[in-house]
Protein backbone atom coordinates (compact mmCIF):
# COMPACT_ATOMS: atom_id res chain seq x y z
CA UNK A 1 -7.78 -18.06 35.50
CA UNK A 2 -7.27 -15.28 38.09
CA UNK A 3 -10.19 -13.67 39.87
CA UNK A 4 -11.26 -10.25 38.49
CA UNK A 5 -10.10 -7.26 40.50
CA UNK A 6 -11.85 -3.92 41.00
CA UNK A 7 -10.53 -2.55 37.70
CA UNK A 8 -11.85 -5.57 35.79
CA UNK A 9 -15.28 -5.22 37.39
CA UNK A 10 -15.45 -1.50 36.54
CA UNK A 11 -14.38 -2.16 32.96
CA UNK A 12 -17.02 -4.89 32.62
CA UNK A 13 -19.75 -2.47 33.73
CA UNK A 14 -18.45 0.13 31.29
CA UNK A 15 -18.46 -2.36 28.40
CA UNK A 16 -22.02 -3.54 29.13
CA UNK A 17 -23.28 0.03 29.37
CA UNK A 18 -21.42 1.10 26.19
CA UNK A 19 -22.62 -1.90 24.17
CA UNK A 20 -26.24 -1.30 25.16
CA UNK A 21 -25.91 2.34 24.22
CA UNK A 22 -24.30 1.53 20.84
CA UNK A 23 -26.99 -1.08 20.13
CA UNK A 24 -29.73 1.51 20.70
CA UNK A 25 -27.92 3.99 18.45
CA UNK A 26 -27.55 1.35 15.75
CA UNK A 27 -31.26 0.49 15.85
CA UNK A 28 -32.18 4.18 15.72
CA UNK A 29 -29.85 4.63 12.74
CA UNK A 30 -31.38 1.66 10.94
CA UNK A 31 -34.94 2.84 11.48
CA UNK A 32 -34.11 6.29 10.12
CA UNK A 33 -32.49 4.95 6.95
CA UNK A 34 -34.01 6.44 3.79
CA UNK A 35 -32.98 6.49 0.17
CA UNK A 36 -31.93 10.12 0.38
CA UNK A 37 -29.73 9.87 3.48
CA UNK A 38 -27.67 6.77 2.73
CA UNK A 39 -24.32 8.55 2.72
CA UNK A 40 -25.08 10.31 6.01
CA UNK A 41 -26.06 7.03 7.67
CA UNK A 42 -22.97 5.28 6.33
CA UNK A 43 -20.78 7.98 7.91
CA UNK A 44 -22.59 7.55 11.24
CA UNK A 45 -22.25 3.77 11.07
CA UNK A 46 -18.49 4.12 10.54
CA UNK A 47 -18.30 6.20 13.71
CA UNK A 48 -20.16 3.46 15.62
CA UNK A 49 -17.76 0.88 14.22
CA UNK A 50 -14.78 2.95 15.36
CA UNK A 51 -16.24 3.09 18.88
CA UNK A 52 -16.71 -0.70 18.90
CA UNK A 53 -13.11 -1.25 17.87
CA UNK A 54 -11.96 1.12 20.58
CA UNK A 55 -13.92 -0.82 23.20
CA UNK A 56 -12.38 -4.09 21.97
CA UNK A 57 -8.87 -2.87 22.76
CA UNK A 58 -7.48 -3.93 26.10
CA UNK A 59 -6.21 -0.98 28.19
CA UNK A 60 -3.61 -3.28 29.75
CA UNK A 61 -2.68 -6.07 27.30
CA UNK A 62 -1.73 -9.23 29.20
CA UNK A 63 0.92 -10.21 26.64
CA UNK A 64 3.84 -8.04 25.51
CA UNK A 65 4.12 -7.03 21.86
CA UNK A 66 6.25 -9.02 19.42
CA UNK A 67 9.40 -7.20 18.26
CA UNK A 68 11.11 -8.16 14.99
CA UNK A 69 14.67 -6.90 14.51
CA UNK A 70 16.84 -6.96 11.39
CA UNK A 71 20.54 -7.26 12.19
CA UNK A 72 23.60 -6.44 10.10
CA UNK A 73 26.44 -8.08 11.96
CA UNK A 74 25.83 -6.93 15.51
CA UNK A 75 24.14 -3.68 14.52
CA UNK A 76 20.35 -3.34 14.58
CA UNK A 77 19.29 -1.64 11.35
CA UNK A 78 15.49 -2.06 11.24
CA UNK A 79 12.63 -3.19 13.43
CA UNK A 80 8.87 -3.60 13.66
CA UNK A 81 6.39 -3.95 16.52
CA UNK A 82 3.46 -6.36 16.20
CA UNK A 83 0.62 -6.45 18.76
CA UNK A 84 0.47 -9.88 20.37
CA UNK A 85 -3.29 -10.09 19.85
CA UNK A 86 -2.78 -9.98 16.07
CA UNK A 87 -0.80 -13.25 16.05
CA UNK A 88 -2.36 -14.96 19.09
CA UNK A 89 -3.80 -18.42 18.45
CA UNK A 90 -7.17 -19.67 19.70
CA UNK A 91 -9.11 -22.84 19.02
CA UNK A 92 -12.13 -20.61 18.39
CA UNK A 93 -11.63 -19.11 14.96
CA UNK A 94 -13.47 -15.86 15.78
CA UNK A 95 -11.07 -15.22 18.69
CA UNK A 96 -7.94 -15.88 16.65
CA UNK A 97 -5.60 -13.05 15.68
CA UNK A 98 -6.01 -11.75 12.15
CA UNK A 99 -2.38 -12.55 11.19
CA UNK A 100 -1.98 -15.76 13.20
CA UNK A 101 -0.55 -18.63 11.15
CA UNK A 102 -0.42 -16.68 7.88
CA UNK A 103 2.38 -15.52 5.62
CA UNK A 104 2.29 -11.74 5.74
CA UNK A 105 4.24 -8.72 4.51
CA UNK A 106 5.85 -6.73 7.30
CA UNK A 107 7.26 -3.22 6.86
CA UNK A 108 10.28 -2.34 9.02
CA UNK A 109 11.55 1.10 9.98
CA UNK A 110 14.99 2.24 11.08
CA UNK A 111 15.57 2.89 14.79
CA UNK A 112 14.86 6.54 15.57
CA UNK A 113 13.18 7.18 12.21
CA UNK A 114 10.03 9.28 11.89
CA UNK A 115 6.70 7.43 12.16
CA UNK A 116 5.76 5.86 8.84
CA UNK A 117 9.29 5.75 7.42
CA UNK A 118 9.98 2.29 5.96
CA UNK A 119 13.44 0.95 5.13
CA UNK A 120 12.80 -2.80 4.63
CA UNK A 121 10.05 -5.30 3.88
CA UNK A 122 9.84 -8.88 5.11
CA UNK A 123 7.58 -11.79 4.29
CA UNK A 124 7.29 -13.98 7.35
CA UNK A 125 5.11 -16.49 9.17
CA UNK A 126 4.10 -15.71 12.78
CA UNK A 127 2.20 -17.83 15.31
CA UNK A 128 1.83 -17.22 19.04
CA UNK A 129 0.19 -19.77 21.32
CA UNK A 130 0.55 -22.24 24.14
CA UNK A 131 3.08 -25.05 23.99
CA UNK A 132 0.36 -27.70 24.06
CA UNK A 133 -1.20 -26.09 20.94
CA UNK A 134 2.03 -26.18 18.93
CA UNK A 135 0.66 -28.82 16.54
CA UNK A 136 -1.79 -26.23 15.19
CA UNK A 137 1.10 -23.89 14.30
CA UNK A 138 1.71 -25.32 10.82
CA UNK A 139 -1.88 -26.26 10.00
CA UNK A 140 -2.35 -23.14 7.88
CA UNK A 141 0.84 -23.64 5.86
CA UNK A 142 0.86 -25.50 2.54
CA UNK A 143 2.29 -28.97 2.89
CA UNK A 144 4.95 -28.27 0.26
CA UNK A 145 6.55 -25.69 2.56
CA UNK A 146 7.02 -28.17 5.41
CA UNK A 147 10.19 -30.26 5.52
CA UNK A 148 9.97 -34.02 5.65
CA UNK A 149 9.48 -35.59 8.08
CA UNK A 150 7.36 -32.93 9.81
CA UNK A 151 7.89 -34.06 13.38
CA UNK A 152 7.35 -31.21 15.80
CA UNK A 153 7.90 -27.58 14.86
CA UNK A 154 10.06 -27.09 11.75
CA UNK A 155 13.22 -25.00 12.07
CA UNK A 156 13.04 -23.96 8.41
CA UNK A 157 10.62 -24.02 5.47
CA UNK A 158 11.32 -25.53 2.08
CA UNK A 159 9.71 -25.02 -1.32
CA UNK A 160 9.39 -28.01 -3.64
CA UNK A 161 6.12 -27.25 -5.42
CA UNK A 162 4.85 -23.73 -6.08
CA UNK A 163 2.87 -21.62 -8.54
CA UNK A 164 4.12 -18.92 -10.87
CA UNK A 165 2.35 -15.57 -11.06
CA UNK A 166 2.67 -12.49 -13.23
CA UNK A 167 2.14 -9.02 -11.78
CA UNK A 168 1.01 -6.28 -14.13
CA UNK A 169 1.47 -2.87 -12.52
CA UNK A 170 -0.50 -0.26 -14.48
CA UNK A 171 0.94 3.11 -13.37
CA UNK A 172 -0.94 5.97 -14.98
CA UNK A 173 -0.30 9.17 -13.02
CA UNK A 174 0.52 10.73 -9.66
CA UNK A 175 -1.02 13.99 -8.47
CA UNK A 176 0.05 16.50 -5.88
CA UNK A 177 3.58 15.15 -5.49
CA UNK A 178 5.77 16.99 -2.99
CA UNK A 179 8.22 19.56 -4.34
CA UNK A 180 11.91 18.71 -3.88
CA UNK A 181 13.74 21.20 -6.14
CA UNK A 182 14.37 24.91 -5.66
CA UNK A 183 12.04 25.56 -8.58
CA UNK A 184 9.08 24.28 -6.55
CA UNK A 185 8.82 21.18 -8.75
CA UNK A 186 10.30 17.67 -8.77
CA UNK A 187 11.72 15.09 -11.16
CA UNK A 188 9.62 12.13 -9.97
CA UNK A 189 9.88 8.45 -10.76
CA UNK A 190 8.19 5.45 -9.14
CA UNK A 191 9.74 2.25 -7.82
CA UNK A 192 7.44 -0.78 -7.47
CA UNK A 193 8.31 -3.62 -5.09
CA UNK A 194 6.63 -7.00 -4.62
CA UNK A 195 8.16 -10.04 -2.97
CA UNK A 196 11.87 -9.90 -3.90
CA UNK A 197 11.52 -8.07 -7.23
CA UNK A 198 11.70 -4.36 -8.01
CA UNK A 199 11.20 -2.22 -11.13
CA UNK A 200 11.18 1.53 -11.79
CA UNK A 201 9.41 3.89 -14.17
CA UNK A 202 11.05 6.56 -16.27
CA UNK A 203 11.95 9.95 -14.80
CA UNK A 204 9.71 12.90 -15.71
CA UNK A 205 11.39 16.25 -15.19
CA UNK A 206 9.97 19.36 -13.52
CA UNK A 207 6.42 18.30 -12.69
CA UNK A 208 4.20 17.64 -9.69
CA UNK A 209 1.72 15.56 -11.70
CA UNK A 210 3.86 12.95 -13.50
CA UNK A 211 1.96 11.14 -16.25
CA UNK A 212 3.95 7.92 -16.58
CA UNK A 213 1.34 5.92 -18.56
CA UNK A 214 3.53 2.87 -18.05
CA UNK A 215 3.02 -0.88 -17.58
CA UNK A 216 5.55 -2.79 -15.46
CA UNK A 217 5.48 -6.58 -15.80
CA UNK A 218 6.92 -8.88 -13.12
CA UNK A 219 7.11 -12.27 -14.82
CA UNK A 220 7.34 -15.72 -13.16
CA UNK A 221 6.77 -14.33 -9.70
CA UNK A 222 6.68 -16.88 -6.86
CA UNK A 223 4.00 -16.21 -4.23
CA UNK A 224 3.96 -18.32 -1.09
CA UNK A 225 0.85 -19.30 0.86
CA UNK A 226 -2.32 -21.19 0.11
CA UNK A 227 -3.96 -20.41 -3.22
CA UNK A 228 -7.40 -20.12 -1.62
CA UNK A 229 -6.09 -17.39 0.72
CA UNK A 230 -4.67 -15.21 -2.04
CA UNK A 231 -8.08 -13.79 -2.97
CA UNK A 232 -8.70 -12.48 0.54
CA UNK A 233 -5.10 -11.69 1.50
CA UNK A 234 -3.02 -10.95 -1.61
CA UNK A 235 0.65 -9.99 -1.25
CA UNK A 236 1.42 -6.34 -0.63
CA UNK A 237 2.64 -4.07 -3.44
CA UNK A 238 4.78 -1.13 -2.31
CA UNK A 239 5.11 1.90 -4.61
CA UNK A 240 7.79 4.43 -3.63
CA UNK A 241 8.01 7.79 -5.41
CA UNK A 242 11.39 9.54 -5.52
CA UNK A 243 12.83 12.76 -6.90
CA UNK A 244 15.73 12.13 -9.28
CA UNK A 245 18.99 13.95 -8.63
CA UNK A 246 21.78 14.01 -11.19
CA UNK A 247 24.53 14.55 -8.62
CA UNK A 248 23.21 12.78 -5.55
CA UNK A 249 20.93 10.07 -4.21
CA UNK A 250 17.22 10.23 -4.98
CA UNK A 251 14.97 12.04 -2.51
CA UNK A 252 12.04 10.12 -1.08
CA UNK A 253 8.70 11.83 -1.85
CA UNK A 254 6.04 9.38 -0.71
CA UNK A 255 4.83 5.80 -0.50
CA UNK A 256 1.62 4.02 -1.51
CA UNK A 257 0.55 0.54 -0.41
CA UNK A 258 -1.68 -1.44 -2.76
CA UNK A 259 -3.25 -4.89 -2.97
CA UNK A 260 -3.47 -6.44 -6.44
CA UNK A 261 -6.50 -8.16 -7.89
CA UNK A 262 -5.74 -11.88 -7.93
CA UNK A 263 -6.76 -14.00 -10.92
CA UNK A 264 -6.31 -17.75 -10.52
CA UNK A 265 -6.30 -20.05 -13.55
CA UNK A 266 -9.89 -21.21 -12.94
CA UNK A 267 -11.27 -17.69 -12.34
CA UNK A 268 -12.81 -15.62 -15.15
CA UNK A 269 -10.79 -12.61 -16.21
CA UNK A 270 -12.04 -9.14 -15.28
CA UNK A 271 -10.77 -5.99 -16.94
CA UNK A 272 -8.74 -3.89 -14.45
CA UNK A 273 -9.91 -0.42 -13.51
CA UNK A 274 -7.70 2.42 -12.31
CA UNK A 275 -7.86 3.25 -8.60
CA UNK A 276 -6.68 6.07 -6.34
CA UNK A 277 -4.03 5.21 -3.74
CA UNK A 278 -2.93 7.86 -1.20
CA UNK A 279 0.75 8.74 -1.10
CA UNK A 280 2.19 9.39 2.35
CA UNK A 281 5.55 10.50 3.65
CA UNK A 282 5.42 9.33 7.23
CA UNK A 283 2.30 10.87 8.81
CA UNK A 284 2.16 13.56 6.11
CA UNK A 285 -0.06 13.36 3.04
CA UNK A 286 2.07 13.46 -0.13
CA UNK A 287 -0.42 13.28 -3.02
CA UNK A 288 -2.17 10.37 -4.66
CA UNK A 289 -1.35 7.65 -7.17
CA UNK A 290 -3.64 6.55 -10.00
CA UNK A 291 -2.86 2.94 -10.83
CA UNK A 292 -4.12 -0.63 -10.74
CA UNK A 293 -2.40 -3.97 -10.18
CA UNK A 294 -3.13 -7.48 -11.48
CA UNK A 295 -1.68 -10.69 -10.03
CA UNK A 296 -2.28 -13.41 -12.64
CA UNK A 297 -1.54 -17.06 -12.00
CA UNK A 298 0.37 -18.54 -14.92
CA UNK A 299 -0.75 -21.75 -16.55
CA UNK A 300 2.07 -24.32 -16.34
CA UNK A 301 0.08 -27.39 -17.35
CA UNK A 302 1.62 -27.47 -20.82
CA UNK A 303 4.98 -28.74 -21.96
CA UNK A 304 6.58 -25.34 -22.30
CA UNK A 305 7.24 -22.49 -19.88
CA UNK A 306 4.36 -21.08 -17.81
CA UNK A 307 2.11 -18.79 -19.84
CA UNK A 308 -0.72 -16.35 -19.23
CA UNK A 309 -4.22 -17.94 -19.36
CA UNK A 310 -5.96 -17.60 -22.69
CA UNK A 311 -8.75 -15.32 -21.40
CA UNK A 312 -6.36 -12.60 -20.15
CA UNK A 313 -6.22 -9.46 -22.30
CA UNK A 314 -3.95 -8.47 -23.86
CA UNK A 315 -2.06 -11.69 -24.49
CA UNK A 316 0.77 -10.17 -26.51
CA UNK A 317 2.38 -7.11 -24.90
CA UNK A 318 4.75 -6.42 -27.80
CA UNK A 319 2.47 -3.82 -29.50
CA UNK A 320 2.52 -1.79 -26.25
CA UNK A 321 6.31 -1.31 -26.35
CA UNK A 322 7.65 2.11 -27.31
CA UNK A 323 10.00 2.05 -30.32
CA UNK A 324 13.01 3.75 -28.69
CA UNK A 325 12.91 3.01 -24.98
CA UNK A 326 11.16 -0.37 -25.16
CA UNK A 327 8.97 0.54 -22.17
CA UNK A 328 5.38 -0.70 -22.15
CA UNK A 329 2.49 1.76 -22.19
CA UNK A 330 -0.93 1.10 -20.69
CA UNK A 331 -3.33 -1.07 -22.72
CA UNK A 332 -6.16 0.87 -24.39
CA UNK A 333 -8.78 -0.86 -22.20
CA UNK A 334 -7.04 0.43 -19.03
CA UNK A 335 -6.10 3.96 -20.06
CA UNK A 336 -8.88 6.44 -19.17
CA UNK A 337 -10.83 8.33 -21.81
CA UNK A 338 -9.62 11.93 -21.87
CA UNK A 339 -11.24 15.15 -23.03
CA UNK A 340 -9.57 18.39 -24.04
CA UNK A 341 -10.30 21.58 -22.14
CA UNK A 342 -9.04 25.13 -22.47
CA UNK A 343 -7.86 26.98 -19.36
CA UNK A 344 -7.19 30.72 -19.53
CA UNK A 345 -4.99 32.28 -16.84
CA UNK A 346 -4.78 36.05 -16.30
CA UNK A 347 -1.72 37.21 -14.33
CA UNK A 348 -2.45 40.49 -12.59
CA UNK A 349 0.44 40.92 -10.18
CA UNK A 350 2.33 39.71 -7.11
CA UNK A 351 2.29 40.93 -3.52
CA UNK A 352 3.95 40.08 -0.26
CA UNK A 353 6.69 37.79 -1.54
CA UNK A 354 8.99 36.49 1.17
CA UNK A 355 12.73 36.19 1.07
CA UNK A 356 14.53 33.28 -0.62
CA UNK A 357 17.79 32.23 1.05
CA UNK A 358 17.75 35.54 2.98
CA UNK A 359 17.66 37.55 -0.26
CA UNK A 360 14.75 39.63 -1.53
CA UNK A 361 12.99 38.51 -4.70
CA UNK A 362 13.89 40.76 -7.63
CA UNK A 363 12.75 38.93 -10.78
CA UNK A 364 9.79 36.64 -9.94
CA UNK A 365 7.91 34.40 -12.34
CA UNK A 366 4.65 32.44 -11.88
CA UNK A 367 4.52 28.85 -13.12
CA UNK A 368 1.20 26.98 -13.17
CA UNK A 369 0.85 23.26 -13.77
CA UNK A 370 -2.50 21.72 -14.69
CA UNK A 371 -2.75 18.01 -15.57
CA UNK A 372 0.94 17.88 -16.44
CA UNK A 373 0.84 20.98 -18.68
CA UNK A 374 2.82 24.08 -17.65
CA UNK A 375 1.93 27.74 -18.14
CA UNK A 376 4.56 30.39 -17.37
CA UNK A 377 4.10 34.10 -16.90
CA UNK A 378 6.55 36.74 -18.01
CA UNK A 379 9.48 37.46 -15.74
CA UNK A 380 9.07 40.71 -13.86
CA UNK A 381 12.26 42.64 -14.53
CA UNK A 382 12.17 44.74 -11.37
CA UNK A 383 9.86 43.61 -8.58
CA UNK A 384 9.39 46.13 -5.79
CA UNK A 385 7.37 45.03 -2.77
CA UNK A 386 4.62 47.41 -1.79
């Protein structure tokens, strides 16, 4: 180990001073905790946690980042950057990287794309350590993934014994979707991806709050990794929302990342509850998705094909199918309870309208959308700006 230089000594003094200061602030926060100021104290504690995480980052990382490239022939089409500390191995478990020796989902972006734009998804196993610690590389992998004989580091992974899962994607609604058409609205549909499977919802025309009320079922899904790790680190579910075009490719509107609730065969079944997932288009907020996801391990102990455990509800999904399209709607125990309200809108007038495609607006109309319902005003025959 090299001797610390002047920069290391200054950083050490800064860390000691900052930790003592944060410890005093934490004790003061704990002593002032009351039943009426819980939310305020939680917000302050999150700020202290953010400061601790900032102090834990090395200003000059000793190891370079790990770059993953996807090639098509000789052309590089996608890439991802992984901090070395996230996959760095240590014999001390607390000092080990969070993704070291684990099968993880990695999102790749195209070279030169805007931040947050994703064009591919990989599931891969990463481990970074010293050569003398190479034996610990495959200790976290299930034995059925290792080839026989397992002498040294394997050059490939095999799958002889695995478990089947079923993913139930309950997509209820999206709110505040970005507008993609000249009308100020969109024709949105959602595309759900997990592992190597993909399914889409139906297209809803001219709305910014699509109410899909749809259940997508991914049957006999193979999920790699240890079963005991699935509860803490379930596979990633990617939901992409697009605008449908009749005479062109769909337009990307936003993406949501979700983690499903995992139910193993020996676990009791819990009824799913709808959650809010933020939609983002790169660094830009693009609405929110109301959905929930279940990853259910299938029971394959019988003689026939793997089946859903007996305590999962509903067992039979046939009554949920629509007569014409055959698409599945949400089960009654998942769909939220709705109430009817009356909204009255009074249109008084319009002022200060800008130009559209360099032309002045002559016959404007106001369209309001509330919870998927549209209200339209009368078309002004001759609009004259004041």
